[in-house]
Amino acid sequence: MGEKKETKFLRPESLSPRAEIDPAISAPPFQLHCPSMTRSPSLDIAPKTPKSTLASLLLSTPIASPMKKAIESMQCYFEEVGHFTKLDPQDAWLPITESRNGNAYYSAFHTLSSGLGAQALVLPLAFTTLSWTWGILCLSLVFMWQLYTLWLLVQLHESESGIRYSRYLRLSMAAFGEKQGKLLALFPIMYLSGGTCVTLIMIGGGTMKIFFQIVCGETCSMRPLAAIEWYFLFVCLAIILAQLPNLNSIAGVSLIGAITAIGYCTLIWVVSIVQGRPEAVSYDPPEAKSDMARICDVLNALGIIAFAFRGHNLVLEIQGTMPSSAKKPSRKPMWRGVKLAYLIIATCLFPLAIGGYWAYGDLMPNGGMLNALHKYHGHDTSKLLLGLTSLFVVLNCLSSFQIYAMPVFDNLELRFTSKKKKPCPRWLRIVFRIFFGCLAFFISVALPFLMSLAGLIGGIALPVTLAYPCFMWIQIKKPTKYSAIWCLNWILGVSGMVLSMLVTAGAIWTIVTMGIEIHFFKPQ
C-alpha cells in the first residue's frame, strides 16, 4: 500500500492502439489537460515534485515563454489524441474494452444485432389482448420512451472528470453507490445476458430442426435429430464463434445478425399478408374470467412489448469500444449509429406487429409469427422462402448470442485479472467461454418452458431499459430541482419502476391462474 507508483510519459509512437482503453472507475485517469480544460482530480492529489532553483529561474525568464507555450500546445495535442493518458491496464485485458477502434458503423451493427431479434416475433401476441388502438399506442409510447433513455445512457457514458463508464454496472455504481448500484443492476444485467442466451439456444436450435425438415422434405430417409441434439449443435457453433477475442472483433458477426434480422422480420410479415388471412380470424380481445384476469392479461401484453425492446444493457459497452477525446467525444458517432439502427428497427417492428396481427388476429399461436407462418401457410408457401426465413433466424440467433454473452465473458475475466493482476491466458479465456456455453445449454435443456415466460422476463428487465437511466441522469448530472428535465426524468423513472412491478405481478398471476406446460429435461 505504501509503495509509490512511477508515472511514465510514453512517446506517441510507442503506444499501440491496443493500449487505448477505458479508465476504471476506481482509478481516474492521469491526464495532462490544456489550460482551457478541467483539471484532472488525480493531478491535485498526486504529490508534486519540487522544482530546483535553477529550473524555476530559467522557466520564469522571458526567453522561456515561447518554450512554455510550445510545451502546453504539445500537451493539448497529445491529450486530444489520447497519447498522454495513463489508463488502467486492467481494461486492456478485458474483452469489452480490449479494442477501441470502433465507429458509428460498428455502433449501428451492434445496436441492430442486440435490439432486433427473435423477441420481435411475439409482438402480435400483445395486440391480441390490447387490440388495434391500444396496441399501436402502447408500442409507440414504449418505443419513444426507450429511445429517450437510450439517449440518456449515451450522454452519461463520459463524465466531466474524464472517466468513461464502459459498463452498465459501473455507471449504476457511480450513480447509486457501490453496494446499492450492484444490488440494483447486477442481477437484471446478468439475467438479461444469460437469459437471452438461453432463449437464443431454444429458438436457434428449434429453428434448425424446422430448417432441416424443410430442406430434407417428407421423403427424406435420414434420421431426424432430437431437439436436445439440435440445441447441442447450435451451442457448438455458438462456442466456436465465441472465440473471437473482443467486442470490436465481432462487428462483422453483428452485421450478419442485423441483415438476417431485417430479412426474416420483413419476409415473415410480407408473406403472411400476401398469403391472406385464415378463416374465422377475429380481432376481439379474448374474454377474461374476471376483471383481475383482464388486468393481468393487459400487463402481460405490456411485458411482451417491453421484452421486444431489449439491448440497453449493452449500449455503454458498445460505446466503450470507440475512441474519445475532448473535441471528438464518443457520444457523437455512437448516437449517429443508434439513430440509424433504431430507424431500421422501427421499420421492422411496427409492420411486423401490425401486419402479423392483421394476418392472424386471435389465431396467433404462443410461439409468435414464425410458428403462425408454418402453421397456416406452410403448405401454400414456397419452400425456398420458408427455408430462407428459418436460415435467417438461425444466423441471427448465432450472431446475437455473441454480443449478449460478451458481458458474461467480461465479468468472468474481470474476476481473474483482479485477483492475478495479469491478462487472462488464451487457454483460460477459451475455457471460460466453453463453460458458459455448456451452462446455457444445460439450462435450456433443463428448463425448456422458459420461452413461455416472455412477459415475466420483460417485467424483470424493464427497469434497466425504462427506469434506471432516468435516475442515473438525476444523480450524476444533478439538474435544477423542479426544472423540466428534472420533472421528466422523475416521472419516467417512477413510472418505469411501477410498471415493472405491475407487469411482473401480472405475469406471475397469469402463470398461476392460466398455468404453463412445465416439463423438465424434455425440450420439444
Protein backbone atom coordinates (compact mmCIF):
# COMPACT_ATOMS: atom_id res chain seq x y z
CA MET A 1 0.00 0.00 0.00
CA GLY A 2 2.85 2.38 0.78
CA GLU A 3 4.61 1.64 -2.49
CA LYS A 4 4.82 4.66 -4.81
CA LYS A 5 3.91 4.22 -8.47
CA GLU A 6 6.11 5.83 -11.08
CA THR A 7 4.29 7.75 -13.80
CA LYS A 8 5.94 7.22 -17.15
CA PHE A 9 5.41 9.58 -20.08
CA LEU A 10 5.40 7.50 -23.22
CA ARG A 11 6.28 8.60 -26.70
CA PRO A 12 3.29 8.62 -29.06
CA GLU A 13 4.86 6.12 -31.44
CA SER A 14 5.46 3.65 -28.59
CA LEU A 15 1.79 3.24 -27.86
CA SER A 16 -0.23 0.74 -29.87
CA PRO A 17 -3.99 1.16 -30.46
CA ARG A 18 -4.47 -1.75 -28.11
CA ALA A 19 -3.27 0.42 -25.27
CA GLU A 20 -6.04 2.97 -25.73
CA ILE A 21 -8.53 1.69 -23.23
CA ASP A 22 -11.08 2.96 -20.79
CA PRO A 23 -10.12 4.02 -17.30
CA ALA A 24 -11.61 2.05 -14.44
CA ILE A 25 -13.94 3.91 -12.16
CA SER A 26 -11.79 3.23 -9.13
CA ALA A 27 -8.75 4.84 -10.77
CA PRO A 28 -9.45 8.14 -12.58
CA PRO A 29 -7.09 8.75 -15.49
CA PHE A 30 -3.94 10.83 -15.13
CA GLN A 31 -4.22 13.44 -17.88
CA LEU A 32 -2.26 16.48 -18.87
CA HIS A 33 -5.06 18.94 -19.65
CA CYS A 34 -4.99 22.08 -21.70
CA PRO A 35 -5.42 25.32 -19.72
CA SER A 36 -8.96 25.57 -21.10
CA MET A 37 -9.93 22.15 -19.85
CA THR A 38 -10.95 20.97 -16.42
CA ARG A 39 -8.06 19.90 -14.23
CA SER A 40 -7.89 16.20 -13.52
CA PRO A 41 -8.55 15.31 -9.87
CA SER A 42 -5.59 12.96 -9.88
CA LEU A 43 -3.27 15.88 -10.58
CA ASP A 44 -4.43 17.61 -7.44
CA ILE A 45 -3.96 14.53 -5.30
CA ALA A 46 -0.61 13.39 -6.65
CA PRO A 47 2.50 14.57 -4.75
CA LYS A 48 4.27 17.39 -6.56
CA THR A 49 7.96 17.08 -7.33
CA PRO A 50 9.81 20.18 -6.06
CA LYS A 51 11.49 22.21 -8.78
CA SER A 52 15.16 23.14 -8.49
CA THR A 53 16.04 26.79 -8.06
CA LEU A 54 17.83 26.86 -11.40
CA ALA A 55 14.86 25.38 -13.26
CA SER A 56 12.47 27.85 -11.61
CA LEU A 57 14.66 30.79 -12.64
CA LEU A 58 15.00 29.57 -16.21
CA LEU A 59 11.24 28.96 -16.66
CA SER A 60 10.40 32.38 -15.19
CA THR A 61 12.55 34.33 -17.69
CA PRO A 62 11.01 35.94 -20.81
CA ILE A 63 13.23 33.78 -23.01
CA ALA A 64 11.48 30.65 -21.70
CA SER A 65 8.00 31.93 -22.50
CA PRO A 66 7.86 30.59 -26.08
CA MET A 67 9.15 27.24 -24.84
CA LYS A 68 6.41 27.06 -22.19
CA LYS A 69 3.73 27.83 -24.80
CA ALA A 70 5.11 25.15 -27.11
CA ILE A 71 5.07 22.58 -24.30
CA GLU A 72 1.48 23.50 -23.39
CA SER A 73 0.44 23.20 -27.07
CA MET A 74 2.05 19.78 -27.34
CA GLN A 75 0.32 18.69 -24.12
CA CYS A 76 -3.03 19.81 -25.56
CA TYR A 77 -2.38 17.89 -28.76
CA PHE A 78 -1.32 14.70 -27.05
CA GLU A 79 -4.25 14.89 -24.64
CA GLU A 80 -6.63 15.19 -27.60
CA VAL A 81 -5.30 12.08 -29.32
CA GLY A 82 -5.07 10.24 -26.03
CA HIS A 83 -1.31 9.61 -26.05
CA PHE A 84 -0.51 11.27 -22.72
CA THR A 85 -3.20 9.47 -20.77
CA LYS A 86 -2.26 6.93 -18.17
CA LEU A 87 -5.07 4.39 -18.23
CA ASP A 88 -5.90 1.44 -16.04
CA PRO A 89 -4.12 -1.55 -17.64
CA GLN A 90 -6.83 -3.94 -16.45
CA ASP A 91 -9.28 -2.58 -19.02
CA ALA A 92 -6.82 -3.51 -21.76
CA TRP A 93 -7.13 -7.13 -20.68
CA LEU A 94 -10.94 -7.39 -20.78
CA PRO A 95 -12.90 -8.32 -23.94
CA ILE A 96 -15.23 -5.30 -23.92
CA THR A 97 -12.52 -2.61 -23.71
CA GLU A 98 -9.64 -4.55 -25.21
CA SER A 99 -10.01 -2.78 -28.55
CA ARG A 100 -11.09 0.84 -29.07
CA ASN A 101 -11.20 1.34 -32.81
CA GLY A 102 -15.00 1.32 -33.14
CA ASN A 103 -17.01 3.83 -35.16
CA ALA A 104 -20.59 4.82 -35.99
CA TYR A 105 -20.99 1.83 -38.33
CA TYR A 106 -19.90 -0.63 -35.67
CA SER A 107 -22.35 1.07 -33.31
CA ALA A 108 -25.19 0.59 -35.77
CA PHE A 109 -24.28 -3.07 -36.39
CA HIS A 110 -24.08 -3.95 -32.68
CA THR A 111 -27.21 -1.97 -31.79
CA LEU A 112 -29.22 -3.65 -34.54
CA SER A 113 -27.97 -7.11 -33.61
CA SER A 114 -28.83 -6.60 -29.93
CA GLY A 115 -32.05 -4.59 -30.39
CA LEU A 116 -33.74 -6.53 -33.19
CA GLY A 117 -34.19 -10.25 -32.92
CA ALA A 118 -36.48 -13.19 -32.41
CA GLN A 119 -38.19 -11.46 -29.46
CA ALA A 120 -39.94 -9.22 -32.01
CA LEU A 121 -41.82 -12.23 -33.40
CA VAL A 122 -44.09 -12.37 -30.35
CA LEU A 123 -45.21 -8.72 -30.60
CA PRO A 124 -48.55 -9.60 -32.29
CA LEU A 125 -49.43 -11.60 -29.17
CA ALA A 126 -49.59 -8.31 -27.26
CA PHE A 127 -52.06 -6.96 -29.84
CA THR A 128 -54.42 -9.91 -29.28
CA THR A 129 -55.02 -8.51 -25.79
CA LEU A 130 -54.65 -4.77 -26.41
CA SER A 131 -56.44 -4.70 -29.82
CA TRP A 132 -55.63 -2.18 -32.58
CA THR A 133 -55.78 1.22 -30.92
CA TRP A 134 -54.19 0.44 -27.59
CA GLY A 135 -51.67 -1.92 -29.18
CA ILE A 136 -50.33 0.70 -31.59
CA LEU A 137 -50.43 3.42 -28.91
CA CYS A 138 -48.53 1.33 -26.32
CA LEU A 139 -45.97 0.17 -28.88
CA SER A 140 -45.35 3.77 -29.98
CA LEU A 141 -45.08 5.12 -26.43
CA VAL A 142 -42.66 2.41 -25.29
CA PHE A 143 -40.57 2.90 -28.43
CA MET A 144 -40.18 6.66 -27.79
CA TRP A 145 -39.62 6.11 -24.07
CA GLN A 146 -36.81 3.60 -24.53
CA LEU A 147 -35.24 5.74 -27.27
CA TYR A 148 -35.09 8.65 -24.82
CA THR A 149 -33.48 6.55 -22.09
CA LEU A 150 -31.04 5.26 -24.68
CA TRP A 151 -30.02 8.86 -25.39
CA LEU A 152 -29.51 9.39 -21.65
CA LEU A 153 -27.13 6.42 -21.46
CA VAL A 154 -25.13 7.64 -24.45
CA GLN A 155 -24.72 11.06 -22.81
CA LEU A 156 -23.79 9.56 -19.43
CA HIS A 157 -21.03 7.37 -20.86
CA GLU A 158 -18.42 10.11 -20.42
CA SER A 159 -18.26 12.09 -17.20
CA GLU A 160 -16.98 15.64 -16.86
CA SER A 161 -13.93 14.39 -14.95
CA GLY A 162 -12.82 12.29 -17.93
CA ILE A 163 -13.99 8.91 -16.64
CA ARG A 164 -15.73 6.67 -19.18
CA TYR A 165 -18.32 4.22 -17.89
CA SER A 166 -17.94 1.39 -20.36
CA ARG A 167 -20.21 -1.00 -18.50
CA TYR A 168 -23.79 -0.57 -17.32
CA LEU A 169 -22.89 -1.90 -13.88
CA ARG A 170 -20.10 0.66 -13.44
CA LEU A 171 -22.45 3.52 -14.29
CA SER A 172 -25.02 2.17 -11.84
CA MET A 173 -22.38 2.03 -9.09
CA ALA A 174 -21.24 5.58 -9.87
CA ALA A 175 -24.82 6.87 -9.71
CA PHE A 176 -26.24 4.94 -6.74
CA GLY A 177 -23.15 3.95 -4.78
CA GLU A 178 -21.11 0.76 -4.96
CA LYS A 179 -23.33 -1.53 -2.88
CA GLN A 180 -26.71 -0.19 -3.97
CA GLY A 181 -25.61 0.03 -7.60
CA LYS A 182 -24.61 -3.63 -7.61
CA LEU A 183 -27.81 -4.63 -5.85
CA LEU A 184 -30.00 -2.80 -8.35
CA ALA A 185 -28.24 -3.62 -11.60
CA LEU A 186 -26.15 -6.80 -11.28
CA PHE A 187 -28.99 -9.34 -11.30
CA PRO A 188 -31.06 -7.75 -14.12
CA ILE A 189 -27.97 -7.34 -16.33
CA MET A 190 -26.72 -10.90 -15.83
CA TYR A 191 -30.31 -12.14 -16.10
CA LEU A 192 -30.72 -10.34 -19.42
CA SER A 193 -27.41 -11.59 -20.79
CA GLY A 194 -27.64 -15.18 -19.59
CA GLY A 195 -31.41 -15.49 -20.03
CA THR A 196 -31.26 -14.11 -23.55
CA CYS A 197 -28.50 -16.57 -24.50
CA VAL A 198 -30.61 -19.45 -23.16
CA THR A 199 -33.62 -18.23 -25.14
CA LEU A 200 -31.49 -17.92 -28.28
CA ILE A 201 -30.38 -21.53 -27.89
CA MET A 202 -34.01 -22.65 -27.75
CA ILE A 203 -35.08 -20.53 -30.71
CA GLY A 204 -31.98 -21.25 -32.77
CA GLY A 205 -31.96 -25.00 -32.06
CA GLY A 206 -35.70 -25.32 -32.68
CA THR A 207 -35.44 -23.38 -35.96
CA MET A 208 -32.53 -25.55 -37.11
CA LYS A 209 -34.86 -28.52 -36.72
CA ILE A 210 -37.50 -26.77 -38.86
CA PHE A 211 -34.88 -25.83 -41.46
CA PHE A 212 -33.72 -29.45 -41.70
CA GLN A 213 -37.31 -30.66 -42.21
CA ILE A 214 -37.88 -28.10 -44.98
CA VAL A 215 -34.63 -28.92 -46.81
CA CYS A 216 -34.82 -32.67 -46.32
CA GLY A 217 -38.51 -32.96 -47.18
CA GLU A 218 -41.08 -35.56 -46.23
CA THR A 219 -39.40 -38.34 -48.22
CA CYS A 220 -36.03 -37.88 -46.53
CA SER A 221 -34.52 -41.14 -45.29
CA MET A 222 -32.13 -39.51 -42.82
CA ARG A 223 -32.95 -39.92 -39.15
CA PRO A 224 -34.05 -36.53 -37.76
CA LEU A 225 -32.19 -35.32 -34.71
CA ALA A 226 -33.96 -34.84 -31.39
CA ALA A 227 -34.48 -31.34 -30.01
CA ILE A 228 -31.68 -31.73 -27.48
CA GLU A 229 -29.28 -32.68 -30.29
CA TRP A 230 -30.23 -29.57 -32.26
CA TYR A 231 -29.65 -27.48 -29.14
CA PHE A 232 -26.22 -29.06 -28.75
CA LEU A 233 -25.33 -28.41 -32.39
CA PHE A 234 -26.35 -24.77 -32.04
CA VAL A 235 -24.26 -24.35 -28.87
CA CYS A 236 -21.21 -25.88 -30.56
CA LEU A 237 -21.46 -23.35 -33.40
CA ALA A 238 -22.01 -20.51 -30.91
CA ILE A 239 -18.94 -21.53 -28.86
CA ILE A 240 -16.77 -21.62 -31.99
CA LEU A 241 -17.86 -18.07 -32.88
CA ALA A 242 -17.35 -17.01 -29.26
CA GLN A 243 -13.58 -17.49 -29.63
CA LEU A 244 -13.36 -14.08 -31.32
CA PRO A 245 -11.41 -12.09 -28.74
CA ASN A 246 -13.34 -8.88 -28.10
CA LEU A 247 -16.43 -6.82 -28.81
CA ASN A 248 -14.95 -4.97 -31.78
CA SER A 249 -13.84 -8.23 -33.39
CA ILE A 250 -17.46 -9.39 -33.70
CA ALA A 251 -18.58 -6.31 -35.66
CA GLY A 252 -18.81 -8.43 -38.82
CA VAL A 253 -20.83 -11.05 -36.94
CA SER A 254 -23.19 -8.32 -35.71
CA LEU A 255 -23.57 -7.06 -39.29
CA ILE A 256 -24.65 -10.53 -40.39
CA GLY A 257 -27.03 -10.66 -37.43
CA ALA A 258 -28.52 -7.29 -38.35
CA ILE A 259 -29.02 -8.20 -42.02
CA THR A 260 -30.61 -11.54 -41.21
CA ALA A 261 -32.91 -10.00 -38.56
CA ILE A 262 -34.14 -7.39 -41.05
CA GLY A 263 -34.51 -10.16 -43.63
CA TYR A 264 -36.67 -12.58 -41.66
CA CYS A 265 -38.78 -9.87 -39.98
CA THR A 266 -39.64 -8.44 -43.41
CA LEU A 267 -40.14 -11.82 -45.07
CA ILE A 268 -42.49 -13.10 -42.37
CA TRP A 269 -44.90 -10.17 -42.34
CA VAL A 270 -44.87 -9.75 -46.14
CA VAL A 271 -45.57 -13.45 -46.78
CA SER A 272 -48.26 -13.51 -44.09
CA ILE A 273 -50.10 -10.56 -45.65
CA VAL A 274 -49.70 -11.78 -49.25
CA GLN A 275 -50.99 -15.25 -48.43
CA GLY A 276 -54.09 -13.78 -46.80
CA ARG A 277 -55.85 -14.37 -43.52
CA PRO A 278 -57.04 -17.78 -42.34
CA GLU A 279 -60.76 -18.29 -41.95
CA ALA A 280 -62.53 -17.30 -38.72
CA VAL A 281 -59.98 -14.64 -37.82
CA SER A 282 -61.26 -12.32 -35.09
CA TYR A 283 -59.81 -9.13 -33.63
CA ASP A 284 -61.91 -9.08 -30.49
CA PRO A 285 -59.88 -9.45 -27.28
CA PRO A 286 -60.41 -12.83 -25.60
CA GLU A 287 -63.00 -12.85 -22.86
CA ALA A 288 -61.48 -12.83 -19.39
CA LYS A 289 -62.93 -14.78 -16.49
CA SER A 290 -62.72 -11.76 -14.20
CA ASP A 291 -61.66 -8.14 -14.10
CA MET A 292 -58.45 -9.13 -12.35
CA ALA A 293 -57.65 -11.62 -15.10
CA ARG A 294 -58.28 -8.94 -17.71
CA ILE A 295 -55.92 -6.51 -15.97
CA CYS A 296 -53.22 -9.18 -15.73
CA ASP A 297 -53.60 -10.00 -19.42
CA VAL A 298 -53.06 -6.33 -20.26
CA LEU A 299 -49.97 -6.16 -18.03
CA ASN A 300 -48.61 -9.34 -19.60
CA ALA A 301 -49.07 -7.76 -23.03
CA LEU A 302 -47.09 -4.70 -21.87
CA GLY A 303 -44.36 -7.06 -20.65
CA ILE A 304 -44.16 -8.63 -24.12
CA ILE A 305 -43.75 -5.16 -25.68
CA ALA A 306 -41.07 -4.27 -23.12
CA PHE A 307 -39.29 -7.56 -23.82
CA ALA A 308 -39.11 -6.64 -27.51
CA PHE A 309 -37.08 -3.51 -26.70
CA ARG A 310 -34.04 -5.08 -25.10
CA GLY A 311 -30.41 -4.12 -25.58
CA HIS A 312 -29.98 -1.15 -23.22
CA ASN A 313 -27.70 -3.26 -21.04
CA LEU A 314 -25.21 -3.31 -23.94
CA VAL A 315 -25.25 0.35 -25.02
CA LEU A 316 -22.44 1.54 -22.75
CA GLU A 317 -20.35 -1.49 -23.65
CA ILE A 318 -20.74 -0.75 -27.36
CA GLN A 319 -19.82 2.90 -26.83
CA GLY A 320 -16.80 1.85 -24.78
CA THR A 321 -15.22 0.34 -27.90
CA MET A 322 -14.90 3.79 -29.51
CA PRO A 323 -12.01 6.25 -29.23
CA SER A 324 -12.84 9.52 -27.48
CA SER A 325 -11.28 12.93 -26.96
CA ALA A 326 -12.42 16.37 -25.87
CA LYS A 327 -13.01 17.56 -29.43
CA LYS A 328 -14.39 14.25 -30.69
CA PRO A 329 -16.32 12.59 -27.84
CA SER A 330 -17.58 9.09 -28.46
CA ARG A 331 -21.19 10.10 -27.88
CA LYS A 332 -21.40 11.76 -31.31
CA PRO A 333 -20.60 8.74 -33.52
CA MET A 334 -22.43 6.48 -31.06
CA TRP A 335 -25.63 8.48 -31.33
CA ARG A 336 -25.38 8.59 -35.14
CA GLY A 337 -25.15 4.81 -35.20
CA VAL A 338 -28.01 4.44 -32.72
CA LYS A 339 -30.30 6.74 -34.72
CA LEU A 340 -29.69 4.74 -37.89
CA ALA A 341 -30.19 1.45 -36.07
CA TYR A 342 -33.46 2.45 -34.42
CA LEU A 343 -34.86 3.89 -37.63
CA ILE A 344 -34.38 0.44 -39.15
CA ILE A 345 -35.74 -1.25 -36.02
CA ALA A 346 -38.91 0.86 -36.21
CA THR A 347 -39.44 -0.06 -39.87
CA CYS A 348 -39.21 -3.73 -38.88
CA LEU A 349 -41.13 -3.88 -35.59
CA PHE A 350 -44.19 -1.81 -36.44
CA PRO A 351 -45.07 -3.62 -39.72
CA LEU A 352 -44.34 -6.96 -38.05
CA ALA A 353 -46.66 -6.26 -35.11
CA ILE A 354 -49.45 -4.62 -37.11
CA GLY A 355 -49.20 -6.89 -40.16
CA GLY A 356 -48.92 -10.02 -38.04
CA TYR A 357 -51.99 -9.11 -36.03
CA TRP A 358 -53.94 -8.32 -39.22
CA ALA A 359 -52.95 -11.67 -40.73
CA TYR A 360 -53.68 -13.94 -37.76
CA GLY A 361 -55.67 -11.98 -35.16
CA ASP A 362 -56.73 -14.13 -32.24
CA LEU A 363 -55.43 -17.25 -34.01
CA MET A 364 -51.84 -16.22 -33.23
CA PRO A 365 -50.06 -19.19 -31.55
CA ASN A 366 -47.96 -18.69 -28.43
CA GLY A 367 -44.75 -19.16 -30.38
CA GLY A 368 -45.35 -15.98 -32.37
CA MET A 369 -45.11 -15.16 -36.06
CA LEU A 370 -42.72 -17.91 -37.15
CA ASN A 371 -44.97 -20.64 -35.75
CA ALA A 372 -48.03 -18.96 -37.28
CA LEU A 373 -46.37 -18.82 -40.71
CA HIS A 374 -45.60 -22.55 -40.68
CA LYS A 375 -48.95 -23.48 -39.15
CA TYR A 376 -51.22 -21.59 -41.54
CA HIS A 377 -49.10 -21.17 -44.67
CA GLY A 378 -46.59 -23.99 -44.52
CA HIS A 379 -48.21 -25.86 -47.44
CA ASP A 380 -49.03 -22.94 -49.75
CA THR A 381 -45.74 -21.03 -49.42
CA SER A 382 -42.55 -21.66 -51.40
CA LYS A 383 -40.11 -23.92 -49.60
CA LEU A 384 -37.38 -21.56 -50.68
CA LEU A 385 -38.97 -18.69 -48.75
CA LEU A 386 -39.68 -20.87 -45.71
CA GLY A 387 -36.16 -22.27 -45.71
CA LEU A 388 -34.59 -18.84 -46.20
CA THR A 389 -36.63 -17.44 -43.31
CA SER A 390 -35.57 -20.27 -41.00
CA LEU A 391 -31.92 -19.92 -42.04
CA PHE A 392 -32.04 -16.18 -41.30
CA VAL A 393 -33.43 -16.87 -37.84
CA VAL A 394 -30.64 -19.36 -37.07
CA LEU A 395 -27.90 -16.98 -38.27
CA ASN A 396 -29.39 -14.10 -36.29
CA CYS A 397 -29.56 -16.20 -33.11
CA LEU A 398 -25.90 -17.22 -33.52
CA SER A 399 -24.90 -13.58 -34.01
CA SER A 400 -26.97 -12.21 -31.13
CA PHE A 401 -25.59 -14.90 -28.83
CA GLN A 402 -22.11 -13.38 -29.23
CA ILE A 403 -22.96 -9.83 -28.21
CA TYR A 404 -25.20 -10.87 -25.31
CA ALA A 405 -22.60 -13.32 -23.99
CA MET A 406 -19.82 -10.70 -24.08
CA PRO A 407 -20.73 -9.06 -20.69
CA VAL A 408 -20.63 -12.52 -19.09
CA PHE A 409 -17.21 -13.24 -20.62
CA ASP A 410 -16.03 -9.82 -19.47
CA ASN A 411 -17.22 -10.41 -15.92
CA LEU A 412 -15.55 -13.83 -15.72
CA GLU A 413 -12.23 -12.43 -16.91
CA LEU A 414 -12.58 -9.46 -14.57
CA ARG A 415 -12.53 -11.84 -11.60
CA PHE A 416 -9.31 -13.43 -12.82
CA THR A 417 -7.48 -10.21 -13.72
CA SER A 418 -8.49 -8.55 -10.44
CA LYS A 419 -7.03 -11.41 -8.46
CA LYS A 420 -3.94 -12.27 -10.52
CA LYS A 421 -3.08 -8.74 -11.76
CA LYS A 422 -2.28 -10.03 -15.24
CA PRO A 423 -4.12 -10.72 -18.50
CA CYS A 424 -6.24 -13.82 -18.82
CA PRO A 425 -4.29 -16.54 -20.71
CA ARG A 426 -5.69 -17.60 -24.06
CA TRP A 427 -6.40 -21.13 -22.87
CA LEU A 428 -8.33 -19.87 -19.83
CA ARG A 429 -10.36 -17.49 -22.00
CA ILE A 430 -11.35 -20.49 -24.13
CA VAL A 431 -12.29 -22.46 -21.01
CA PHE A 432 -14.47 -19.59 -19.72
CA ARG A 433 -16.39 -19.40 -22.98
CA ILE A 434 -16.86 -23.13 -23.28
CA PHE A 435 -18.06 -23.21 -19.67
CA PHE A 436 -20.67 -20.51 -20.27
CA GLY A 437 -21.88 -22.21 -23.44
CA CYS A 438 -22.28 -25.51 -21.62
CA LEU A 439 -24.08 -23.83 -18.71
CA ALA A 440 -26.52 -22.08 -21.06
CA PHE A 441 -27.08 -25.38 -22.89
CA PHE A 442 -27.84 -27.19 -19.62
CA ILE A 443 -30.39 -24.54 -18.59
CA SER A 444 -32.09 -24.62 -22.00
CA VAL A 445 -32.45 -28.41 -21.76
CA ALA A 446 -33.43 -28.46 -18.08
CA LEU A 447 -35.98 -25.60 -18.32
CA PRO A 448 -37.45 -25.70 -21.84
CA PHE A 449 -40.59 -23.85 -20.71
CA LEU A 450 -38.71 -20.55 -20.26
CA MET A 451 -39.99 -19.48 -23.68
CA SER A 452 -43.45 -19.13 -22.12
CA LEU A 453 -42.20 -16.52 -19.65
CA ALA A 454 -41.70 -13.60 -22.07
CA GLY A 455 -43.96 -11.30 -20.03
CA LEU A 456 -42.19 -12.12 -16.77
CA ILE A 457 -38.74 -11.64 -18.33
CA GLY A 458 -39.86 -8.30 -19.76
CA GLY A 459 -41.12 -7.15 -16.37
CA ILE A 460 -37.91 -8.00 -14.53
CA ALA A 461 -35.68 -6.39 -17.16
CA LEU A 462 -37.88 -3.33 -17.65
CA PRO A 463 -36.12 -1.04 -15.08
CA VAL A 464 -32.79 -1.46 -16.91
CA THR A 465 -34.43 -0.06 -20.05
CA LEU A 466 -37.03 2.46 -18.84
CA ALA A 467 -36.28 3.49 -15.23
CA TYR A 468 -32.62 3.31 -14.17
CA PRO A 469 -31.26 5.67 -16.88
CA CYS A 470 -33.63 8.42 -15.68
CA PHE A 471 -32.48 8.11 -12.06
CA MET A 472 -28.83 7.90 -13.17
CA TRP A 473 -29.19 11.19 -15.04
CA ILE A 474 -30.62 12.88 -11.95
CA GLN A 475 -27.89 11.51 -9.66
CA ILE A 476 -24.94 12.29 -11.96
CA LYS A 477 -25.99 15.41 -13.89
CA LYS A 478 -27.90 16.92 -10.93
CA PRO A 479 -30.31 19.09 -12.95
CA THR A 480 -32.02 22.04 -11.28
CA LYS A 481 -34.77 20.91 -8.95
CA TYR A 482 -38.25 21.17 -10.50
CA SER A 483 -36.79 22.02 -13.91
CA ALA A 484 -38.39 20.43 -16.98
CA ILE A 485 -35.78 17.68 -17.39
CA TRP A 486 -35.74 17.00 -13.63
CA CYS A 487 -39.53 16.52 -13.62
CA LEU A 488 -39.48 14.45 -16.83
CA ASN A 489 -36.86 12.04 -15.53
CA TRP A 490 -38.56 11.65 -12.17
CA ILE A 491 -41.92 10.94 -13.82
CA LEU A 492 -40.46 8.45 -16.28
CA GLY A 493 -38.26 6.78 -13.66
CA VAL A 494 -41.05 6.29 -11.13
CA SER A 495 -43.46 5.21 -13.87
CA GLY A 496 -40.91 2.67 -15.09
CA MET A 497 -40.49 1.14 -11.64
CA VAL A 498 -44.24 0.99 -11.03
CA LEU A 499 -44.82 -0.52 -14.47
CA SER A 500 -42.10 -3.10 -13.82
CA MET A 501 -43.74 -4.22 -10.57
CA LEU A 502 -47.19 -4.35 -12.17
CA VAL A 503 -46.00 -6.28 -15.22
CA THR A 504 -44.09 -8.77 -13.06
CA ALA A 505 -47.11 -9.27 -10.77
CA GLY A 506 -49.42 -9.62 -13.76
CA ALA A 507 -47.18 -12.21 -15.40
CA ILE A 508 -46.97 -14.24 -12.19
CA TRP A 509 -50.75 -14.06 -11.76
CA THR A 510 -51.28 -15.23 -15.35
CA ILE A 511 -48.88 -18.14 -14.87
CA VAL A 512 -50.57 -19.20 -11.64
CA THR A 513 -54.14 -18.93 -12.93
CA MET A 514 -53.74 -19.99 -16.55
CA GLY A 515 -50.84 -22.34 -15.98
CA ILE A 516 -47.98 -23.25 -18.32
CA GLU A 517 -46.81 -26.61 -19.50
CA ILE A 518 -43.82 -27.38 -17.30
CA HIS A 519 -41.59 -30.23 -18.39
CA PHE A 520 -38.01 -30.56 -17.17
CA PHE A 521 -35.32 -32.03 -19.41
CA LYS A 522 -37.83 -32.58 -22.22
CA PRO A 523 -37.19 -29.98 -24.93
CA GLN A 524 -39.61 -30.22 -27.83
